[in-house]
N, C-alpha and C. Protein backbone atom coordinates (compact mmCIF):
# COMPACT_ATOMS: atom_id res chain seq x y z
N MET A 1 15.50 -12.13 -11.11
CA MET A 1 15.22 -11.28 -9.95
C MET A 1 14.88 -9.88 -10.43
N ASN A 2 13.75 -9.36 -9.96
CA ASN A 2 13.33 -8.01 -10.30
C ASN A 2 13.94 -7.03 -9.32
N LEU A 3 14.44 -5.92 -9.82
CA LEU A 3 15.10 -4.94 -8.98
C LEU A 3 14.37 -3.62 -9.08
N LEU A 4 13.83 -3.15 -7.96
CA LEU A 4 13.16 -1.86 -7.93
C LEU A 4 14.23 -0.81 -7.66
N SER A 5 14.36 0.16 -8.56
CA SER A 5 15.41 1.16 -8.40
C SER A 5 14.97 2.49 -8.98
N GLY A 6 15.72 3.53 -8.65
CA GLY A 6 15.48 4.87 -9.17
C GLY A 6 14.71 5.75 -8.21
N GLU A 7 14.69 7.04 -8.55
CA GLU A 7 13.91 8.03 -7.81
C GLU A 7 12.91 8.66 -8.77
N TYR A 8 11.68 8.79 -8.32
CA TYR A 8 10.62 9.30 -9.18
C TYR A 8 9.79 10.34 -8.44
N GLU A 9 9.68 11.52 -9.02
CA GLU A 9 8.85 12.57 -8.45
C GLU A 9 7.42 12.35 -8.91
N CYS A 10 6.49 12.38 -7.96
CA CYS A 10 5.08 12.09 -8.28
C CYS A 10 4.17 13.10 -7.59
N LYS A 11 2.97 13.22 -8.10
CA LYS A 11 1.95 14.07 -7.49
C LYS A 11 0.76 13.20 -7.09
N LEU A 12 0.20 13.49 -5.94
CA LEU A 12 -1.03 12.81 -5.52
C LEU A 12 -2.21 13.50 -6.18
N ASP A 13 -3.21 12.72 -6.52
CA ASP A 13 -4.43 13.34 -7.03
C ASP A 13 -5.26 13.80 -5.84
N PRO A 14 -6.35 14.55 -6.05
CA PRO A 14 -7.15 15.07 -4.93
C PRO A 14 -7.71 14.00 -3.99
N LYS A 15 -7.83 12.76 -4.47
CA LYS A 15 -8.35 11.68 -3.62
C LYS A 15 -7.26 10.96 -2.84
N GLY A 16 -6.00 11.39 -2.99
CA GLY A 16 -4.91 10.75 -2.26
C GLY A 16 -4.36 9.53 -2.96
N ARG A 17 -4.53 9.47 -4.28
CA ARG A 17 -3.99 8.35 -5.05
C ARG A 17 -2.69 8.76 -5.71
N LEU A 18 -1.84 7.78 -5.88
CA LEU A 18 -0.53 7.99 -6.48
C LEU A 18 -0.39 7.01 -7.64
N VAL A 19 0.16 7.47 -8.75
CA VAL A 19 0.42 6.59 -9.89
C VAL A 19 1.81 5.99 -9.72
N LEU A 20 1.88 4.67 -9.75
CA LEU A 20 3.16 3.99 -9.67
C LEU A 20 3.89 4.18 -11.00
N PRO A 21 5.11 4.73 -10.99
CA PRO A 21 5.83 4.95 -12.25
C PRO A 21 5.95 3.66 -13.07
N ALA A 22 5.88 3.80 -14.40
CA ALA A 22 5.90 2.64 -15.30
C ALA A 22 7.15 1.79 -15.10
N LYS A 23 8.31 2.41 -14.86
CA LYS A 23 9.54 1.63 -14.67
C LYS A 23 9.48 0.80 -13.40
N VAL A 24 8.83 1.32 -12.37
CA VAL A 24 8.68 0.55 -11.12
C VAL A 24 7.69 -0.59 -11.38
N LYS A 25 6.55 -0.27 -11.96
CA LYS A 25 5.54 -1.31 -12.23
C LYS A 25 6.13 -2.42 -13.09
N GLY A 26 6.92 -2.04 -14.09
CA GLY A 26 7.53 -3.03 -14.98
C GLY A 26 8.51 -3.96 -14.29
N ASN A 27 9.01 -3.55 -13.13
CA ASN A 27 9.96 -4.39 -12.39
C ASN A 27 9.33 -5.13 -11.23
N LEU A 28 8.02 -5.03 -11.07
CA LEU A 28 7.36 -5.80 -10.02
C LEU A 28 7.40 -7.28 -10.40
N PRO A 29 7.62 -8.16 -9.43
CA PRO A 29 7.58 -9.59 -9.74
C PRO A 29 6.20 -9.99 -10.27
N GLU A 30 6.19 -10.85 -11.28
CA GLU A 30 4.92 -11.26 -11.89
C GLU A 30 3.96 -11.87 -10.88
N GLN A 31 4.51 -12.66 -9.93
CA GLN A 31 3.63 -13.34 -8.98
C GLN A 31 2.93 -12.37 -8.03
N SER A 32 3.42 -11.13 -7.94
CA SER A 32 2.77 -10.13 -7.09
C SER A 32 1.56 -9.52 -7.78
N GLY A 33 1.54 -9.57 -9.10
CA GLY A 33 0.43 -8.98 -9.85
C GLY A 33 0.27 -7.52 -9.51
N ASN A 34 -0.96 -7.11 -9.27
CA ASN A 34 -1.24 -5.72 -8.88
C ASN A 34 -1.40 -5.57 -7.38
N GLN A 35 -1.02 -6.60 -6.62
CA GLN A 35 -1.17 -6.59 -5.17
C GLN A 35 0.12 -6.12 -4.51
N LEU A 36 0.02 -5.06 -3.70
CA LEU A 36 1.17 -4.51 -2.99
C LEU A 36 0.81 -4.35 -1.52
N VAL A 37 1.82 -4.24 -0.69
CA VAL A 37 1.60 -4.04 0.74
C VAL A 37 2.28 -2.74 1.14
N LEU A 38 1.54 -1.89 1.86
CA LEU A 38 2.03 -0.60 2.30
C LEU A 38 2.15 -0.59 3.81
N VAL A 39 3.32 -0.19 4.31
CA VAL A 39 3.56 -0.11 5.77
C VAL A 39 4.26 1.20 6.09
N ARG A 40 4.23 1.55 7.38
CA ARG A 40 4.99 2.71 7.85
C ARG A 40 6.47 2.34 7.86
N GLY A 41 7.32 3.26 7.44
CA GLY A 41 8.75 3.02 7.48
C GLY A 41 9.32 3.30 8.87
N PHE A 42 10.56 2.90 9.09
CA PHE A 42 11.22 3.21 10.36
C PHE A 42 11.52 4.70 10.43
N GLU A 43 11.82 5.32 9.29
CA GLU A 43 11.92 6.76 9.20
C GLU A 43 10.54 7.27 8.81
N PRO A 44 10.34 8.61 8.77
CA PRO A 44 9.00 9.12 8.44
C PRO A 44 8.69 9.01 6.94
N CYS A 45 8.51 7.80 6.49
CA CYS A 45 8.17 7.53 5.10
C CYS A 45 7.27 6.30 5.08
N LEU A 46 6.79 5.97 3.89
CA LEU A 46 5.99 4.76 3.72
C LEU A 46 6.82 3.77 2.91
N VAL A 47 6.58 2.50 3.13
CA VAL A 47 7.31 1.47 2.40
C VAL A 47 6.31 0.60 1.66
N LEU A 48 6.57 0.43 0.37
CA LEU A 48 5.69 -0.32 -0.51
C LEU A 48 6.42 -1.58 -0.95
N TYR A 49 5.85 -2.73 -0.61
CA TYR A 49 6.44 -4.03 -0.96
C TYR A 49 5.60 -4.75 -2.00
N PRO A 50 6.23 -5.36 -2.99
CA PRO A 50 5.48 -6.32 -3.81
C PRO A 50 5.03 -7.46 -2.89
N ARG A 51 3.93 -8.07 -3.21
CA ARG A 51 3.36 -9.13 -2.37
C ARG A 51 4.39 -10.22 -2.03
N SER A 52 5.17 -10.64 -3.02
CA SER A 52 6.14 -11.73 -2.79
C SER A 52 7.25 -11.30 -1.83
N ALA A 53 7.74 -10.07 -1.94
CA ALA A 53 8.79 -9.59 -1.03
C ALA A 53 8.23 -9.42 0.38
N TRP A 54 6.97 -8.98 0.47
CA TRP A 54 6.34 -8.81 1.78
C TRP A 54 6.21 -10.16 2.49
N GLY A 55 5.93 -11.22 1.74
CA GLY A 55 5.79 -12.54 2.34
C GLY A 55 7.04 -12.95 3.10
N VAL A 56 8.21 -12.65 2.58
CA VAL A 56 9.48 -12.98 3.24
C VAL A 56 9.60 -12.19 4.55
N ILE A 57 9.32 -10.89 4.50
CA ILE A 57 9.41 -10.03 5.69
C ILE A 57 8.38 -10.48 6.73
N HIS A 58 7.17 -10.73 6.29
CA HIS A 58 6.08 -11.13 7.18
C HIS A 58 6.46 -12.40 7.94
N GLU A 59 7.02 -13.38 7.24
CA GLU A 59 7.42 -14.63 7.89
C GLU A 59 8.47 -14.39 8.97
N LYS A 60 9.44 -13.54 8.69
CA LYS A 60 10.49 -13.25 9.68
C LYS A 60 9.91 -12.62 10.94
N VAL A 61 9.03 -11.65 10.74
CA VAL A 61 8.45 -10.96 11.90
C VAL A 61 7.52 -11.89 12.68
N MET A 62 6.74 -12.70 11.98
CA MET A 62 5.83 -13.62 12.65
C MET A 62 6.56 -14.76 13.35
N ALA A 63 7.79 -15.04 12.96
CA ALA A 63 8.57 -16.11 13.58
C ALA A 63 9.10 -15.70 14.95
N LEU A 64 9.01 -14.42 15.29
CA LEU A 64 9.48 -13.98 16.60
C LEU A 64 8.59 -14.58 17.70
N ASP A 65 9.18 -14.86 18.82
CA ASP A 65 8.50 -15.51 19.95
C ASP A 65 7.43 -14.58 20.55
N GLU A 66 6.16 -14.97 20.43
CA GLU A 66 5.07 -14.13 20.93
C GLU A 66 5.04 -14.04 22.46
N PHE A 67 5.82 -14.87 23.14
CA PHE A 67 5.84 -14.83 24.59
C PHE A 67 6.92 -13.88 25.12
N ASN A 68 7.65 -13.26 24.23
CA ASN A 68 8.67 -12.28 24.58
C ASN A 68 8.06 -10.88 24.39
N GLU A 69 8.02 -10.09 25.47
CA GLU A 69 7.37 -8.78 25.42
C GLU A 69 7.99 -7.85 24.38
N GLU A 70 9.30 -7.84 24.29
CA GLU A 70 9.98 -6.97 23.33
C GLU A 70 9.61 -7.34 21.89
N TYR A 71 9.52 -8.64 21.61
CA TYR A 71 9.13 -9.09 20.27
C TYR A 71 7.69 -8.68 19.97
N ARG A 72 6.80 -8.84 20.96
CA ARG A 72 5.40 -8.45 20.76
C ARG A 72 5.30 -6.96 20.46
N GLN A 73 6.05 -6.15 21.19
CA GLN A 73 6.03 -4.71 20.96
C GLN A 73 6.49 -4.38 19.53
N PHE A 74 7.54 -5.07 19.10
CA PHE A 74 8.03 -4.85 17.74
C PHE A 74 6.97 -5.25 16.72
N GLN A 75 6.38 -6.44 16.89
CA GLN A 75 5.36 -6.90 15.95
C GLN A 75 4.18 -5.92 15.89
N ARG A 76 3.73 -5.49 17.05
CA ARG A 76 2.59 -4.58 17.12
C ARG A 76 2.87 -3.30 16.36
N ASN A 77 4.04 -2.72 16.56
CA ASN A 77 4.39 -1.47 15.90
C ASN A 77 4.72 -1.68 14.43
N PHE A 78 5.33 -2.79 14.10
CA PHE A 78 5.70 -3.05 12.71
C PHE A 78 4.46 -3.23 11.84
N PHE A 79 3.48 -3.97 12.34
CA PHE A 79 2.28 -4.25 11.55
C PHE A 79 1.22 -3.15 11.65
N ARG A 80 1.43 -2.19 12.54
CA ARG A 80 0.48 -1.10 12.74
C ARG A 80 0.22 -0.37 11.42
N GLY A 81 -1.00 -0.32 11.02
CA GLY A 81 -1.36 0.42 9.83
C GLY A 81 -1.07 -0.28 8.52
N MET A 82 -0.51 -1.49 8.58
CA MET A 82 -0.20 -2.21 7.34
C MET A 82 -1.48 -2.36 6.54
N THR A 83 -1.37 -2.11 5.26
CA THR A 83 -2.55 -2.24 4.41
C THR A 83 -2.17 -2.80 3.05
N GLU A 84 -3.06 -3.60 2.51
CA GLU A 84 -2.86 -4.12 1.16
C GLU A 84 -3.48 -3.13 0.20
N VAL A 85 -2.74 -2.83 -0.86
CA VAL A 85 -3.26 -1.93 -1.88
C VAL A 85 -3.21 -2.64 -3.23
N GLU A 86 -4.09 -2.21 -4.10
CA GLU A 86 -4.15 -2.82 -5.43
C GLU A 86 -4.06 -1.72 -6.47
N LEU A 87 -3.24 -1.95 -7.49
CA LEU A 87 -3.12 -0.99 -8.57
C LEU A 87 -4.38 -1.07 -9.44
N ASP A 88 -4.89 0.10 -9.82
CA ASP A 88 -6.04 0.10 -10.73
C ASP A 88 -5.55 0.01 -12.17
N SER A 89 -6.43 0.20 -13.12
CA SER A 89 -6.09 0.01 -14.54
C SER A 89 -5.04 0.99 -15.04
N ILE A 90 -4.84 2.12 -14.35
CA ILE A 90 -3.79 3.06 -14.78
C ILE A 90 -2.66 3.13 -13.74
N SER A 91 -2.51 2.04 -12.97
CA SER A 91 -1.41 1.88 -11.99
C SER A 91 -1.47 2.85 -10.82
N ARG A 92 -2.67 3.31 -10.47
CA ARG A 92 -2.83 4.16 -9.28
C ARG A 92 -3.14 3.28 -8.09
N PHE A 93 -2.78 3.79 -6.91
CA PHE A 93 -3.19 3.14 -5.67
C PHE A 93 -3.47 4.21 -4.63
N MET A 94 -4.34 3.87 -3.70
CA MET A 94 -4.78 4.79 -2.67
C MET A 94 -3.80 4.77 -1.51
N LEU A 95 -3.44 5.96 -1.02
CA LEU A 95 -2.63 6.08 0.19
C LEU A 95 -3.58 6.51 1.31
N PRO A 96 -3.79 5.67 2.32
CA PRO A 96 -4.70 6.03 3.41
C PRO A 96 -4.27 7.33 4.10
N ARG A 97 -5.24 8.11 4.52
CA ARG A 97 -4.97 9.41 5.16
C ARG A 97 -4.02 9.28 6.36
N SER A 98 -4.22 8.24 7.17
CA SER A 98 -3.36 8.08 8.35
C SER A 98 -1.89 7.86 7.94
N MET A 99 -1.69 7.17 6.82
CA MET A 99 -0.33 6.94 6.32
C MET A 99 0.26 8.24 5.77
N LEU A 100 -0.55 9.01 5.07
CA LEU A 100 -0.08 10.29 4.55
C LEU A 100 0.34 11.22 5.69
N ARG A 101 -0.45 11.25 6.76
CA ARG A 101 -0.09 12.08 7.92
C ARG A 101 1.22 11.61 8.54
N TYR A 102 1.37 10.30 8.70
CA TYR A 102 2.60 9.74 9.28
C TYR A 102 3.83 10.19 8.50
N ALA A 103 3.76 10.14 7.18
CA ALA A 103 4.91 10.46 6.33
C ALA A 103 5.00 11.95 6.00
N GLY A 104 3.98 12.73 6.38
CA GLY A 104 3.99 14.16 6.08
C GLY A 104 3.82 14.45 4.60
N ILE A 105 3.20 13.53 3.88
CA ILE A 105 2.99 13.69 2.43
C ILE A 105 1.68 14.44 2.21
N GLU A 106 1.75 15.49 1.38
CA GLU A 106 0.54 16.26 1.09
C GLU A 106 0.16 16.19 -0.39
N LYS A 107 0.92 16.85 -1.24
CA LYS A 107 0.58 16.90 -2.66
C LYS A 107 1.61 16.23 -3.54
N GLU A 108 2.84 16.18 -3.08
CA GLU A 108 3.92 15.61 -3.88
C GLU A 108 4.63 14.53 -3.08
N ALA A 109 5.23 13.59 -3.81
CA ALA A 109 5.97 12.50 -3.16
C ALA A 109 7.14 12.11 -4.05
N ILE A 110 8.10 11.47 -3.42
CA ILE A 110 9.22 10.87 -4.15
C ILE A 110 9.17 9.38 -3.86
N ILE A 111 9.17 8.59 -4.91
CA ILE A 111 9.23 7.13 -4.78
C ILE A 111 10.67 6.73 -5.05
N VAL A 112 11.25 5.97 -4.12
CA VAL A 112 12.65 5.56 -4.21
C VAL A 112 12.69 4.03 -4.22
N GLY A 113 13.19 3.45 -5.31
CA GLY A 113 13.33 2.00 -5.40
C GLY A 113 14.55 1.53 -4.64
N LEU A 114 14.37 0.53 -3.79
CA LEU A 114 15.45 0.01 -2.95
C LEU A 114 15.56 -1.51 -3.07
N GLY A 115 15.57 -2.01 -4.28
CA GLY A 115 15.76 -3.44 -4.50
C GLY A 115 14.46 -4.21 -4.39
N ASN A 116 14.12 -4.65 -3.18
CA ASN A 116 12.92 -5.46 -2.97
C ASN A 116 11.70 -4.63 -2.57
N ARG A 117 11.88 -3.31 -2.45
CA ARG A 117 10.81 -2.45 -1.95
C ARG A 117 11.01 -1.02 -2.47
N CYS A 118 9.99 -0.20 -2.27
CA CYS A 118 10.09 1.23 -2.58
C CYS A 118 9.72 2.02 -1.33
N GLU A 119 10.41 3.12 -1.12
CA GLU A 119 10.01 4.05 -0.07
C GLU A 119 9.28 5.20 -0.74
N ILE A 120 8.29 5.74 -0.03
CA ILE A 120 7.54 6.89 -0.51
C ILE A 120 7.72 8.00 0.51
N TRP A 121 8.29 9.11 0.06
CA TRP A 121 8.70 10.21 0.94
C TRP A 121 8.02 11.52 0.55
N ASP A 122 7.84 12.39 1.54
CA ASP A 122 7.61 13.79 1.29
C ASP A 122 8.95 14.33 0.80
N PRO A 123 8.99 15.11 -0.29
CA PRO A 123 10.27 15.54 -0.86
C PRO A 123 11.20 16.26 0.12
N SER A 124 10.68 17.14 0.96
CA SER A 124 11.57 17.86 1.89
C SER A 124 12.10 16.93 2.98
N ARG A 125 11.28 16.02 3.47
CA ARG A 125 11.76 15.06 4.47
C ARG A 125 12.81 14.13 3.88
N TYR A 126 12.60 13.71 2.65
CA TYR A 126 13.57 12.83 1.99
C TYR A 126 14.93 13.50 1.95
N ASP A 127 14.94 14.76 1.56
CA ASP A 127 16.19 15.51 1.47
C ASP A 127 16.88 15.59 2.83
N GLU A 128 16.12 15.71 3.91
CA GLU A 128 16.70 15.77 5.26
C GLU A 128 17.41 14.47 5.64
N PHE A 129 16.95 13.34 5.13
CA PHE A 129 17.50 12.05 5.52
C PHE A 129 18.65 11.57 4.61
N LEU A 130 18.93 12.32 3.55
CA LEU A 130 20.04 11.95 2.68
C LEU A 130 21.36 12.41 3.28
N ILE A 131 22.43 11.68 3.01
CA ILE A 131 23.76 12.05 3.48
C ILE A 131 24.26 13.19 2.59
N LYS A 132 24.56 14.31 3.20
CA LYS A 132 25.01 15.48 2.43
C LYS A 132 26.52 15.48 2.20
N ASP A 133 27.23 14.89 3.13
CA ASP A 133 28.69 14.91 3.10
C ASP A 133 29.21 13.68 2.36
N GLN A 134 29.84 13.89 1.20
CA GLN A 134 30.33 12.78 0.39
C GLN A 134 31.37 11.95 1.12
N GLN A 135 32.14 12.56 1.99
CA GLN A 135 33.15 11.81 2.74
C GLN A 135 32.48 10.81 3.68
N SER A 136 31.39 11.23 4.33
CA SER A 136 30.65 10.32 5.20
C SER A 136 30.05 9.17 4.40
N PHE A 137 29.54 9.49 3.22
CA PHE A 137 28.98 8.46 2.36
C PHE A 137 30.06 7.48 1.92
N SER A 138 31.20 8.00 1.59
CA SER A 138 32.33 7.16 1.18
C SER A 138 32.76 6.22 2.30
N LYS A 139 32.78 6.72 3.53
CA LYS A 139 33.15 5.88 4.68
C LYS A 139 32.13 4.75 4.89
N LEU A 140 30.86 5.06 4.71
CA LEU A 140 29.84 4.01 4.83
C LEU A 140 30.00 2.96 3.74
N ALA A 141 30.28 3.41 2.53
CA ALA A 141 30.50 2.47 1.43
C ALA A 141 31.67 1.55 1.74
N GLN A 142 32.73 2.13 2.26
CA GLN A 142 33.91 1.33 2.61
C GLN A 142 33.56 0.34 3.72
N LYS A 143 32.82 0.80 4.70
CA LYS A 143 32.44 -0.05 5.84
C LYS A 143 31.58 -1.24 5.39
N PHE A 144 30.61 -0.98 4.52
CA PHE A 144 29.66 -2.03 4.15
C PHE A 144 30.05 -2.82 2.91
N LEU A 145 30.88 -2.26 2.06
CA LEU A 145 31.18 -2.92 0.79
C LEU A 145 32.62 -3.34 0.62
N SER A 146 33.44 -3.12 1.63
CA SER A 146 34.84 -3.49 1.55
C SER A 146 34.99 -5.00 1.41
N VAL A 147 35.99 -5.43 0.67
CA VAL A 147 36.27 -6.86 0.45
C VAL A 147 36.53 -7.57 1.78
N ASP A 148 37.12 -6.86 2.73
CA ASP A 148 37.45 -7.45 4.02
C ASP A 148 36.25 -7.57 4.96
N THR A 149 35.17 -6.91 4.61
CA THR A 149 33.98 -6.91 5.46
C THR A 149 33.13 -8.13 5.13
N PRO A 150 32.72 -8.90 6.15
CA PRO A 150 31.83 -10.04 5.87
C PRO A 150 30.53 -9.54 5.26
N PRO A 151 29.95 -10.29 4.33
CA PRO A 151 28.67 -9.90 3.76
C PRO A 151 27.61 -9.85 4.84
N LEU A 152 26.60 -9.04 4.63
CA LEU A 152 25.52 -8.97 5.60
C LEU A 152 24.93 -10.36 5.80
N GLY A 153 24.78 -10.74 7.04
CA GLY A 153 24.17 -12.02 7.32
C GLY A 153 25.14 -13.16 7.56
N GLY A 154 26.46 -12.92 7.51
CA GLY A 154 27.34 -14.03 7.79
C GLY A 154 28.80 -13.77 7.50
N PRO A 155 29.65 -14.69 7.91
CA PRO A 155 31.09 -14.53 7.71
C PRO A 155 31.49 -14.81 6.25
N ILE A 156 32.70 -14.37 5.92
CA ILE A 156 33.24 -14.64 4.60
C ILE A 156 33.56 -16.13 4.50
N ALA A 157 33.16 -16.75 3.39
CA ALA A 157 33.38 -18.19 3.23
C ALA A 157 34.80 -18.48 2.82
């Protein structure tokens, strides 16, 4: 299993391209090759998925009942602006202008590896969304990682 992790400060070139850090590229699943999928995040950031990880997410969203209005609204907004990107020979990829505006990214970005995906943030916005209070962070860790807490997705066996 490939794990995307770490924080990387990056600069966009004048054409709006970003170089994927070597450590991130090295952890992309082989079956994804140079094919990645870029979507808008739930927060004001962009989310970059390896092709294989995107396939799992895509199937879940497409499995929602198209006859349910709430599901259709979610699908419409989730897939809005989704674009496939390909890394060039020096691991650059183009960030569409509409996506850059959505995330507020201008000249600099932070790429954050989150296991199966990476988020791409404007540095100042990223800082706004981080937990500043260590006690609050500790409480979340206890809530989500405590031995007594069922794992995400089901009860304790």
